[in-house]
Amino acid sequence: MRKCLKIKVMGKVQGVSYRATAQKHAQSLSIEGTIQNSDDGSVVIYACGPSEKLDKFIDLLYKGTPESTINDLLAEPFVNEKDFRGVFRIIGD
């Protein structure tokens, strides 16, 4: 079953290659969506794909990168009104 999630990752996740690593994982799992730094220091991810692949993606997000520190991860379903065009993009610098 396909589902969409809004995921907020809190901790040391900005400026430590976290977004690029998350993008690589999403692409390898055929997950589409976006990832973007937030003003509060967190990273916000919109991800859509098969349920089992999203579960694996969340596990990889928890793992992070050697430079990152994950304090918390919140995932909630959302109704996809966006057209991600089958890709996973990094938004912003």
N, C-alpha and C. Protein backbone atom coordinates (compact mmCIF):
# COMPACT_ATOMS: atom_id res chain seq x y z
N MET A 1 0.84 -1.18 0.00
CA MET A 1 0.00 0.00 0.00
C MET A 1 0.89 1.25 0.00
N ARG A 2 0.51 2.22 -0.81
CA ARG A 2 1.26 3.47 -0.90
C ARG A 2 0.74 4.45 0.14
N LYS A 3 1.67 5.16 0.78
CA LYS A 3 1.26 6.19 1.73
C LYS A 3 2.24 7.36 1.67
N CYS A 4 1.84 8.46 2.28
CA CYS A 4 2.67 9.67 2.32
C CYS A 4 2.83 10.10 3.77
N LEU A 5 4.05 10.54 4.10
CA LEU A 5 4.36 10.97 5.46
C LEU A 5 5.02 12.33 5.46
N LYS A 6 4.73 13.10 6.50
CA LYS A 6 5.50 14.30 6.81
C LYS A 6 6.38 13.90 8.00
N ILE A 7 7.68 14.03 7.82
CA ILE A 7 8.64 13.59 8.84
C ILE A 7 9.47 14.79 9.29
N LYS A 8 9.56 14.97 10.60
CA LYS A 8 10.39 16.04 11.15
C LYS A 8 11.50 15.38 11.97
N VAL A 9 12.74 15.68 11.60
CA VAL A 9 13.90 15.10 12.28
C VAL A 9 14.59 16.21 13.06
N MET A 10 14.72 16.00 14.38
CA MET A 10 15.34 17.00 15.25
C MET A 10 16.66 16.50 15.78
N GLY A 11 17.60 17.41 15.94
CA GLY A 11 18.93 17.09 16.43
C GLY A 11 19.96 17.85 15.62
N LYS A 12 21.15 17.31 15.56
CA LYS A 12 22.21 17.91 14.74
C LYS A 12 22.10 17.30 13.34
N VAL A 13 21.27 17.93 12.51
CA VAL A 13 20.98 17.38 11.19
C VAL A 13 21.19 18.40 10.06
N GLN A 14 21.56 19.60 10.40
CA GLN A 14 21.82 20.61 9.38
C GLN A 14 23.32 20.79 9.22
N GLY A 15 23.77 20.86 7.96
CA GLY A 15 25.18 21.10 7.69
C GLY A 15 26.09 19.91 7.92
N VAL A 16 25.52 18.70 8.00
CA VAL A 16 26.34 17.52 8.24
C VAL A 16 26.05 16.43 7.20
N SER A 17 25.71 16.81 6.00
CA SER A 17 25.40 15.93 4.87
C SER A 17 24.18 15.05 5.10
N TYR A 18 23.36 15.39 6.08
CA TYR A 18 22.18 14.59 6.39
C TYR A 18 21.19 14.59 5.23
N ARG A 19 20.91 15.76 4.65
CA ARG A 19 19.94 15.85 3.56
C ARG A 19 20.39 15.03 2.34
N ALA A 20 21.66 15.13 2.00
CA ALA A 20 22.17 14.37 0.84
C ALA A 20 22.09 12.87 1.09
N THR A 21 22.39 12.45 2.29
CA THR A 21 22.31 11.03 2.63
C THR A 21 20.86 10.55 2.59
N ALA A 22 19.95 11.35 3.12
CA ALA A 22 18.53 11.00 3.09
C ALA A 22 18.04 10.90 1.65
N GLN A 23 18.50 11.81 0.80
CA GLN A 23 18.11 11.78 -0.61
C GLN A 23 18.60 10.49 -1.28
N LYS A 24 19.82 10.08 -1.01
CA LYS A 24 20.36 8.84 -1.59
C LYS A 24 19.53 7.63 -1.15
N HIS A 25 19.18 7.59 0.14
CA HIS A 25 18.36 6.48 0.65
C HIS A 25 16.99 6.48 -0.03
N ALA A 26 16.38 7.66 -0.15
CA ALA A 26 15.06 7.76 -0.78
C ALA A 26 15.12 7.27 -2.22
N GLN A 27 16.13 7.70 -2.95
CA GLN A 27 16.25 7.29 -4.34
C GLN A 27 16.44 5.78 -4.46
N SER A 28 17.25 5.19 -3.58
CA SER A 28 17.49 3.75 -3.65
C SER A 28 16.23 2.95 -3.31
N LEU A 29 15.31 3.56 -2.55
CA LEU A 29 14.06 2.90 -2.16
C LEU A 29 12.87 3.30 -3.04
N SER A 30 13.13 4.11 -4.07
CA SER A 30 12.06 4.60 -4.97
C SER A 30 11.00 5.40 -4.22
N ILE A 31 11.46 6.22 -3.29
CA ILE A 31 10.57 7.11 -2.54
C ILE A 31 10.67 8.49 -3.17
N GLU A 32 9.52 9.13 -3.35
CA GLU A 32 9.52 10.48 -3.90
C GLU A 32 9.15 11.47 -2.82
N GLY A 33 9.60 12.73 -2.98
CA GLY A 33 9.27 13.76 -2.00
C GLY A 33 10.31 14.84 -1.95
N THR A 34 10.40 15.50 -0.79
CA THR A 34 11.34 16.60 -0.59
C THR A 34 11.93 16.55 0.80
N ILE A 35 13.08 17.21 0.94
CA ILE A 35 13.71 17.39 2.25
C ILE A 35 14.22 18.82 2.31
N GLN A 36 14.03 19.46 3.45
CA GLN A 36 14.37 20.87 3.58
C GLN A 36 14.74 21.19 5.02
N ASN A 37 15.77 22.04 5.18
CA ASN A 37 16.10 22.56 6.51
C ASN A 37 14.98 23.45 7.00
N SER A 38 14.72 23.43 8.29
CA SER A 38 13.72 24.28 8.91
C SER A 38 14.42 25.33 9.76
N ASP A 39 13.75 26.44 10.01
CA ASP A 39 14.33 27.53 10.80
C ASP A 39 14.66 27.13 12.24
N ASP A 40 13.98 26.10 12.76
CA ASP A 40 14.21 25.70 14.15
C ASP A 40 15.38 24.71 14.30
N GLY A 41 16.12 24.47 13.21
CA GLY A 41 17.26 23.57 13.27
C GLY A 41 16.94 22.13 12.90
N SER A 42 15.69 21.85 12.66
CA SER A 42 15.29 20.50 12.27
C SER A 42 15.31 20.37 10.74
N VAL A 43 14.98 19.18 10.27
CA VAL A 43 14.82 18.91 8.85
C VAL A 43 13.41 18.39 8.65
N VAL A 44 12.70 18.91 7.64
CA VAL A 44 11.34 18.47 7.34
C VAL A 44 11.36 17.71 6.01
N ILE A 45 10.76 16.53 6.03
CA ILE A 45 10.74 15.64 4.88
C ILE A 45 9.30 15.31 4.53
N TYR A 46 8.97 15.40 3.26
CA TYR A 46 7.71 14.87 2.73
C TYR A 46 8.09 13.67 1.89
N ALA A 47 7.55 12.50 2.21
CA ALA A 47 7.94 11.28 1.52
C ALA A 47 6.71 10.44 1.18
N CYS A 48 6.69 9.94 -0.07
CA CYS A 48 5.60 9.09 -0.52
C CYS A 48 6.19 7.84 -1.17
N GLY A 49 5.57 6.70 -0.87
CA GLY A 49 6.02 5.44 -1.44
C GLY A 49 5.32 4.27 -0.79
N PRO A 50 5.70 3.06 -1.16
CA PRO A 50 5.11 1.87 -0.54
C PRO A 50 5.40 1.84 0.97
N SER A 51 4.44 1.40 1.74
CA SER A 51 4.55 1.40 3.21
C SER A 51 5.81 0.74 3.71
N GLU A 52 6.14 -0.44 3.16
CA GLU A 52 7.32 -1.17 3.65
C GLU A 52 8.61 -0.41 3.34
N LYS A 53 8.65 0.29 2.21
CA LYS A 53 9.85 1.07 1.88
C LYS A 53 9.95 2.32 2.74
N LEU A 54 8.80 2.93 3.09
CA LEU A 54 8.82 4.08 3.98
C LEU A 54 9.29 3.67 5.38
N ASP A 55 8.91 2.49 5.83
CA ASP A 55 9.38 2.00 7.13
C ASP A 55 10.90 1.86 7.12
N LYS A 56 11.45 1.30 6.05
CA LYS A 56 12.90 1.15 5.94
C LYS A 56 13.57 2.53 5.86
N PHE A 57 12.94 3.46 5.15
CA PHE A 57 13.46 4.83 5.03
C PHE A 57 13.54 5.50 6.41
N ILE A 58 12.51 5.34 7.21
CA ILE A 58 12.50 5.92 8.56
C ILE A 58 13.62 5.32 9.40
N ASP A 59 13.83 4.02 9.28
CA ASP A 59 14.94 3.38 10.01
C ASP A 59 16.27 4.01 9.62
N LEU A 60 16.46 4.26 8.32
CA LEU A 60 17.70 4.88 7.84
C LEU A 60 17.82 6.33 8.29
N LEU A 61 16.69 7.03 8.38
CA LEU A 61 16.71 8.41 8.88
C LEU A 61 17.13 8.45 10.34
N TYR A 62 16.65 7.50 11.14
CA TYR A 62 17.06 7.40 12.54
C TYR A 62 18.56 7.15 12.66
N LYS A 63 19.10 6.33 11.77
CA LYS A 63 20.53 6.01 11.80
C LYS A 63 21.37 7.26 11.51
N GLY A 64 20.91 8.10 10.58
CA GLY A 64 21.60 9.35 10.26
C GLY A 64 22.93 9.14 9.57
N THR A 65 23.84 10.07 9.81
CA THR A 65 25.20 10.02 9.27
C THR A 65 26.17 10.00 10.45
N PRO A 66 27.44 9.69 10.20
CA PRO A 66 28.40 9.70 11.31
C PRO A 66 28.50 11.08 12.00
N GLU A 67 28.24 12.14 11.25
CA GLU A 67 28.36 13.50 11.81
C GLU A 67 27.07 13.99 12.47
N SER A 68 25.95 13.33 12.21
CA SER A 68 24.67 13.81 12.73
C SER A 68 24.34 13.17 14.08
N THR A 69 23.43 13.82 14.80
CA THR A 69 22.89 13.30 16.05
C THR A 69 21.38 13.46 15.99
N ILE A 70 20.65 12.37 16.06
CA ILE A 70 19.20 12.41 15.97
C ILE A 70 18.63 12.41 17.39
N ASN A 71 17.93 13.49 17.75
CA ASN A 71 17.29 13.58 19.07
C ASN A 71 15.88 13.03 19.05
N ASP A 72 15.16 13.26 17.94
CA ASP A 72 13.77 12.82 17.84
C ASP A 72 13.36 12.81 16.39
N LEU A 73 12.40 11.97 16.06
CA LEU A 73 11.85 11.90 14.72
C LEU A 73 10.35 11.72 14.85
N LEU A 74 9.61 12.63 14.25
CA LEU A 74 8.15 12.56 14.28
C LEU A 74 7.65 12.34 12.87
N ALA A 75 6.81 11.33 12.69
CA ALA A 75 6.24 11.03 11.37
C ALA A 75 4.73 11.02 11.49
N GLU A 76 4.08 11.73 10.58
CA GLU A 76 2.63 11.75 10.57
C GLU A 76 2.14 11.65 9.13
N PRO A 77 1.01 10.97 8.91
CA PRO A 77 0.48 10.85 7.55
C PRO A 77 0.00 12.21 7.04
N PHE A 78 0.07 12.40 5.74
CA PHE A 78 -0.52 13.57 5.14
C PHE A 78 -1.13 13.20 3.80
N VAL A 79 -2.12 13.97 3.39
CA VAL A 79 -2.76 13.75 2.10
C VAL A 79 -1.90 14.43 1.06
N ASN A 80 -1.39 13.66 0.13
CA ASN A 80 -0.48 14.20 -0.89
C ASN A 80 -1.25 15.02 -1.91
N GLU A 81 -1.05 16.33 -1.86
CA GLU A 81 -1.61 17.23 -2.86
C GLU A 81 -0.52 17.79 -3.74
N LYS A 82 0.71 17.31 -3.56
CA LYS A 82 1.85 17.79 -4.32
C LYS A 82 2.22 16.77 -5.38
N ASP A 83 2.76 17.25 -6.48
CA ASP A 83 3.26 16.37 -7.53
C ASP A 83 4.77 16.35 -7.44
N PHE A 84 5.32 15.29 -6.89
CA PHE A 84 6.77 15.18 -6.74
C PHE A 84 7.45 14.70 -8.01
N ARG A 85 6.65 14.34 -9.00
CA ARG A 85 7.14 13.90 -10.32
C ARG A 85 8.11 12.72 -10.23
N GLY A 86 7.90 11.87 -9.23
CA GLY A 86 8.67 10.64 -9.13
C GLY A 86 10.09 10.78 -8.62
N VAL A 87 10.46 11.96 -8.08
CA VAL A 87 11.83 12.16 -7.60
C VAL A 87 11.82 12.65 -6.16
N PHE A 88 13.00 12.62 -5.54
CA PHE A 88 13.19 13.12 -4.18
C PHE A 88 14.19 14.26 -4.25
N ARG A 89 13.74 15.47 -3.89
CA ARG A 89 14.56 16.67 -4.06
C ARG A 89 14.97 17.28 -2.73
N ILE A 90 16.16 17.89 -2.74
CA ILE A 90 16.60 18.74 -1.64
C ILE A 90 16.17 20.15 -1.97
N ILE A 91 15.48 20.80 -1.06
CA ILE A 91 15.03 22.17 -1.26
C ILE A 91 15.93 23.10 -0.44
N GLY A 92 16.39 24.16 -1.05
CA GLY A 92 17.24 25.12 -0.36
C GLY A 92 18.71 24.81 -0.55
N ASP A 93 19.53 25.56 0.17
CA ASP A 93 20.99 25.41 0.00
C ASP A 93 21.56 24.26 0.75
